[in-house]
Amino acid sequence: MTRGNQRDTDRAKAQKKAAASKTKNNMSGTQFQKAKEDAAAIMREKQKKADEKRAAEAAGGKKK
């Protein structure tokens, strides 16, 4: 068993890396709520533009 120590150190390194990637949200409650509201506002705007585009295509008629 020549690689025993290397295997252990690699396993520890991988566990440390995995633990670092599984961090939770660092925002406070109000910051998180504001971020959610901002994202929702962006999505509503995108949906509004998509609806307007669909309505314009329906009114103009599709040409192939």
Protein backbone atom coordinates (compact mmCIF):
# COMPACT_ATOMS: atom_id res chain seq x y z
CA MET A 1 0.00 0.00 0.00
CA THR A 2 2.25 2.70 -1.30
CA ARG A 3 -0.43 5.35 -1.89
CA GLY A 4 -2.15 5.18 1.49
CA ASN A 5 -1.15 8.62 2.69
CA GLN A 6 -1.84 10.28 -0.65
CA ARG A 7 -5.30 8.72 -0.79
CA ASP A 8 -6.11 10.04 2.68
CA THR A 9 -4.86 13.54 1.90
CA ASP A 10 -6.78 13.59 -1.40
CA ARG A 11 -9.95 12.47 0.38
CA ALA A 12 -9.55 15.22 3.01
CA LYS A 13 -8.93 17.79 0.30
CA ALA A 14 -12.04 16.68 -1.61
CA GLN A 15 -14.18 16.84 1.53
CA LYS A 16 -12.93 20.34 2.29
CA LYS A 17 -13.73 21.46 -1.27
CA ALA A 18 -17.21 19.91 -1.12
CA ALA A 19 -17.95 21.56 2.21
CA ALA A 20 -16.94 24.95 0.83
CA SER A 21 -19.30 24.62 -2.12
CA LYS A 22 -22.29 23.75 0.07
CA THR A 23 -22.54 27.11 1.81
CA LYS A 24 -25.96 28.51 2.59
CA ASN A 25 -27.33 31.92 1.78
CA ASN A 26 -25.29 34.69 3.41
CA MET A 27 -27.95 37.39 3.04
CA SER A 28 -30.09 38.61 5.89
CA GLY A 29 -33.85 38.18 5.74
CA THR A 30 -34.53 41.65 4.37
CA GLN A 31 -31.73 41.40 1.81
CA PHE A 32 -33.02 38.01 0.68
CA GLN A 33 -36.57 39.33 0.38
CA LYS A 34 -35.39 42.33 -1.67
CA ALA A 35 -33.38 40.05 -3.97
CA LYS A 36 -36.45 37.86 -4.48
CA GLU A 37 -38.60 40.90 -5.26
CA ASP A 38 -36.02 42.25 -7.72
CA ALA A 39 -35.84 38.91 -9.51
CA ALA A 40 -39.64 38.71 -9.61
CA ALA A 41 -39.86 42.22 -11.07
CA ILE A 42 -37.39 41.30 -13.80
CA MET A 43 -39.34 38.16 -14.62
CA ARG A 44 -42.64 40.08 -14.73
CA GLU A 45 -41.08 42.58 -17.15
CA LYS A 46 -39.79 39.79 -19.38
CA GLN A 47 -43.21 38.12 -19.34
CA LYS A 48 -44.90 41.41 -20.23
CA LYS A 49 -42.58 41.88 -23.21
CA ALA A 50 -43.19 38.29 -24.34
CA ASP A 51 -46.96 38.76 -24.07
CA GLU A 52 -46.77 42.00 -26.07
CA LYS A 53 -44.70 40.26 -28.74
CA ARG A 54 -47.21 37.42 -28.97
CA ALA A 55 -50.10 39.89 -29.18
CA ALA A 56 -48.36 41.82 -31.96
CA GLU A 57 -47.72 38.62 -33.91
CA ALA A 58 -51.34 37.56 -33.47
CA ALA A 59 -52.64 40.96 -34.59
CA GLY A 60 -50.31 41.15 -37.57
CA GLY A 61 -50.86 37.60 -38.61
CA LYS A 62 -48.10 35.08 -39.10
CA LYS A 63 -46.56 34.87 -42.53
CA LYS A 64 -44.56 31.87 -43.60
